[in-house]
Amino acid sequence: MLKEYNADLQFNAVFVDSTREFLGVVAQLEERPVLLKFRWVDFISTSDPSLRDEIFSQLEQKLGPPERPLVKA
């Protein structure tokens, strides 16, 4: 899903906080790190299209519009 948003976006790591309530996904675009934050329960129980929408929404807030128009899944 990261590559769909921007072909140069690289996955770095995933982690769960100490309370196991939140999940973090760390990605990087060139020299710019990006942290995506999700509630753990929502992340594992959300359908792929809804999860894709949430990921793309967070990426757009942090990186601006995608490099090319997105096709709705």
N, C-alpha and C. Protein backbone atom coordinates (compact mmCIF):
# COMPACT_ATOMS: atom_id res chain seq x y z
N MET A 1 0.82 -1.20 0.00
CA MET A 1 0.00 0.00 0.00
C MET A 1 0.86 1.26 0.00
N LEU A 2 2.01 1.21 0.66
CA LEU A 2 2.90 2.38 0.66
C LEU A 2 3.37 2.70 -0.75
N LYS A 3 3.73 1.67 -1.51
CA LYS A 3 4.23 1.87 -2.88
C LYS A 3 3.13 2.38 -3.80
N GLU A 4 1.87 2.05 -3.49
CA GLU A 4 0.75 2.59 -4.27
C GLU A 4 0.69 4.10 -4.14
N TYR A 5 0.99 4.60 -2.95
CA TYR A 5 0.91 6.03 -2.68
C TYR A 5 2.08 6.77 -3.33
N ASN A 6 3.27 6.22 -3.16
CA ASN A 6 4.48 6.82 -3.75
C ASN A 6 5.50 5.70 -3.92
N ALA A 7 5.94 5.49 -5.14
CA ALA A 7 6.86 4.39 -5.45
C ALA A 7 8.17 4.48 -4.68
N ASP A 8 8.54 5.67 -4.22
CA ASP A 8 9.80 5.86 -3.49
C ASP A 8 9.65 5.72 -1.97
N LEU A 9 8.45 5.51 -1.50
CA LEU A 9 8.20 5.37 -0.06
C LEU A 9 8.68 4.00 0.41
N GLN A 10 9.55 4.00 1.41
CA GLN A 10 10.16 2.76 1.92
C GLN A 10 9.62 2.42 3.30
N PHE A 11 9.25 1.16 3.50
CA PHE A 11 8.86 0.66 4.82
C PHE A 11 10.11 0.48 5.66
N ASN A 12 10.08 0.94 6.92
CA ASN A 12 11.23 0.78 7.82
C ASN A 12 10.94 -0.16 8.98
N ALA A 13 9.85 0.06 9.70
CA ALA A 13 9.60 -0.73 10.91
C ALA A 13 8.13 -0.65 11.31
N VAL A 14 7.75 -1.58 12.16
CA VAL A 14 6.43 -1.55 12.79
C VAL A 14 6.65 -1.85 14.27
N PHE A 15 5.87 -1.19 15.12
CA PHE A 15 6.01 -1.43 16.55
C PHE A 15 4.67 -1.22 17.24
N VAL A 16 4.55 -1.82 18.42
CA VAL A 16 3.37 -1.67 19.27
C VAL A 16 3.83 -0.98 20.54
N ASP A 17 3.05 -0.01 21.02
CA ASP A 17 3.45 0.70 22.24
C ASP A 17 3.35 -0.22 23.46
N SER A 18 3.88 0.24 24.59
CA SER A 18 3.96 -0.59 25.79
C SER A 18 2.58 -0.97 26.35
N THR A 19 1.56 -0.19 26.04
CA THR A 19 0.21 -0.52 26.51
C THR A 19 -0.50 -1.47 25.55
N ARG A 20 0.11 -1.69 24.41
CA ARG A 20 -0.44 -2.53 23.34
C ARG A 20 -1.77 -1.99 22.82
N GLU A 21 -1.91 -0.68 22.93
CA GLU A 21 -3.12 -0.03 22.42
C GLU A 21 -2.90 0.54 21.02
N PHE A 22 -1.67 0.98 20.74
CA PHE A 22 -1.38 1.61 19.46
C PHE A 22 -0.30 0.87 18.69
N LEU A 23 -0.41 0.94 17.39
CA LEU A 23 0.55 0.34 16.47
C LEU A 23 1.15 1.47 15.65
N GLY A 24 2.45 1.47 15.50
CA GLY A 24 3.12 2.48 14.69
C GLY A 24 3.80 1.84 13.50
N VAL A 25 3.69 2.47 12.36
CA VAL A 25 4.38 2.03 11.15
C VAL A 25 5.31 3.17 10.76
N VAL A 26 6.59 2.86 10.63
CA VAL A 26 7.58 3.87 10.25
C VAL A 26 7.96 3.63 8.80
N ALA A 27 7.85 4.67 8.01
CA ALA A 27 8.24 4.63 6.60
C ALA A 27 9.17 5.82 6.35
N GLN A 28 9.74 5.87 5.16
CA GLN A 28 10.64 6.97 4.84
C GLN A 28 10.53 7.31 3.37
N LEU A 29 10.51 8.60 3.08
CA LEU A 29 10.54 9.11 1.72
C LEU A 29 11.77 9.98 1.60
N GLU A 30 12.74 9.49 0.85
CA GLU A 30 14.06 10.12 0.75
C GLU A 30 14.64 10.25 2.15
N GLU A 31 14.89 11.46 2.63
CA GLU A 31 15.46 11.66 3.97
C GLU A 31 14.39 11.93 5.03
N ARG A 32 13.13 11.87 4.63
CA ARG A 32 12.03 12.27 5.52
C ARG A 32 11.34 11.05 6.14
N PRO A 33 11.47 10.85 7.46
CA PRO A 33 10.75 9.75 8.11
C PRO A 33 9.27 10.10 8.29
N VAL A 34 8.44 9.08 8.26
CA VAL A 34 7.00 9.24 8.41
C VAL A 34 6.50 8.20 9.41
N LEU A 35 5.74 8.64 10.40
CA LEU A 35 5.15 7.72 11.38
C LEU A 35 3.64 7.69 11.17
N LEU A 36 3.13 6.51 10.91
CA LEU A 36 1.68 6.31 10.80
C LEU A 36 1.22 5.64 12.09
N LYS A 37 0.14 6.14 12.67
CA LYS A 37 -0.32 5.65 13.98
C LYS A 37 -1.73 5.08 13.84
N PHE A 38 -1.92 3.90 14.43
CA PHE A 38 -3.21 3.23 14.39
C PHE A 38 -3.53 2.65 15.76
N ARG A 39 -4.80 2.55 16.05
CA ARG A 39 -5.19 1.75 17.22
C ARG A 39 -5.02 0.30 16.81
N TRP A 40 -4.35 -0.48 17.64
CA TRP A 40 -4.02 -1.87 17.33
C TRP A 40 -5.27 -2.67 16.94
N VAL A 41 -6.33 -2.59 17.73
CA VAL A 41 -7.55 -3.36 17.47
C VAL A 41 -8.16 -2.96 16.14
N ASP A 42 -8.19 -1.66 15.85
CA ASP A 42 -8.74 -1.20 14.57
C ASP A 42 -7.90 -1.70 13.40
N PHE A 43 -6.58 -1.69 13.56
CA PHE A 43 -5.68 -2.09 12.48
C PHE A 43 -5.90 -3.55 12.10
N ILE A 44 -6.02 -4.42 13.08
CA ILE A 44 -6.15 -5.85 12.76
C ILE A 44 -7.56 -6.27 12.39
N SER A 45 -8.56 -5.42 12.66
CA SER A 45 -9.94 -5.80 12.37
C SER A 45 -10.57 -5.01 11.23
N THR A 46 -9.85 -4.07 10.66
CA THR A 46 -10.38 -3.23 9.58
C THR A 46 -10.21 -3.92 8.23
N SER A 47 -11.21 -3.78 7.37
CA SER A 47 -11.12 -4.35 6.02
C SER A 47 -10.02 -3.64 5.23
N ASP A 48 -9.46 -4.34 4.25
CA ASP A 48 -8.36 -3.77 3.46
C ASP A 48 -8.71 -2.43 2.81
N PRO A 49 -9.88 -2.28 2.17
CA PRO A 49 -10.18 -0.96 1.57
C PRO A 49 -10.24 0.17 2.60
N SER A 50 -10.80 -0.10 3.77
CA SER A 50 -10.86 0.93 4.81
C SER A 50 -9.48 1.24 5.37
N LEU A 51 -8.67 0.21 5.54
CA LEU A 51 -7.30 0.40 6.02
C LEU A 51 -6.49 1.20 5.00
N ARG A 52 -6.66 0.88 3.73
CA ARG A 52 -5.98 1.62 2.65
C ARG A 52 -6.36 3.10 2.71
N ASP A 53 -7.65 3.39 2.88
CA ASP A 53 -8.11 4.78 2.97
C ASP A 53 -7.46 5.50 4.15
N GLU A 54 -7.36 4.82 5.30
CA GLU A 54 -6.75 5.42 6.49
C GLU A 54 -5.26 5.67 6.27
N ILE A 55 -4.57 4.70 5.69
CA ILE A 55 -3.14 4.86 5.41
C ILE A 55 -2.92 6.04 4.47
N PHE A 56 -3.69 6.09 3.38
CA PHE A 56 -3.52 7.17 2.41
C PHE A 56 -3.88 8.52 3.00
N SER A 57 -4.88 8.57 3.87
CA SER A 57 -5.25 9.83 4.53
C SER A 57 -4.10 10.34 5.39
N GLN A 58 -3.50 9.45 6.18
CA GLN A 58 -2.37 9.86 7.03
C GLN A 58 -1.18 10.28 6.18
N LEU A 59 -0.91 9.55 5.10
CA LEU A 59 0.22 9.90 4.24
C LEU A 59 0.00 11.27 3.58
N GLU A 60 -1.23 11.53 3.15
CA GLU A 60 -1.51 12.82 2.52
C GLU A 60 -1.33 13.97 3.52
N GLN A 61 -1.74 13.77 4.77
CA GLN A 61 -1.55 14.79 5.80
C GLN A 61 -0.07 15.07 6.03
N LYS A 62 0.75 14.04 5.97
CA LYS A 62 2.17 14.19 6.30
C LYS A 62 3.05 14.51 5.10
N LEU A 63 2.66 14.04 3.91
CA LEU A 63 3.52 14.20 2.73
C LEU A 63 2.91 15.05 1.62
N GLY A 64 1.64 15.37 1.73
CA GLY A 64 0.97 16.07 0.65
C GLY A 64 0.36 15.06 -0.31
N PRO A 65 -0.20 15.53 -1.41
CA PRO A 65 -0.87 14.65 -2.36
C PRO A 65 0.07 13.58 -2.93
N PRO A 66 -0.49 12.43 -3.33
CA PRO A 66 0.34 11.37 -3.91
C PRO A 66 0.97 11.82 -5.22
N GLU A 67 2.00 11.09 -5.65
CA GLU A 67 2.71 11.47 -6.88
C GLU A 67 1.84 11.33 -8.13
N ARG A 68 0.83 10.49 -8.07
CA ARG A 68 -0.12 10.35 -9.18
C ARG A 68 -1.49 10.10 -8.57
N PRO A 69 -2.57 10.40 -9.30
CA PRO A 69 -3.91 10.20 -8.73
C PRO A 69 -4.13 8.75 -8.30
N LEU A 70 -4.78 8.58 -7.16
CA LEU A 70 -5.05 7.24 -6.64
C LEU A 70 -6.31 6.68 -7.27
N VAL A 71 -6.31 5.38 -7.49
CA VAL A 71 -7.48 4.68 -8.00
C VAL A 71 -8.18 4.07 -6.80
N LYS A 72 -9.46 4.34 -6.66
CA LYS A 72 -10.23 3.82 -5.53
C LYS A 72 -10.32 2.31 -5.64
N ALA A 73 -9.97 1.61 -4.54
CA ALA A 73 -10.00 0.13 -4.53
C ALA A 73 -11.41 -0.38 -4.39
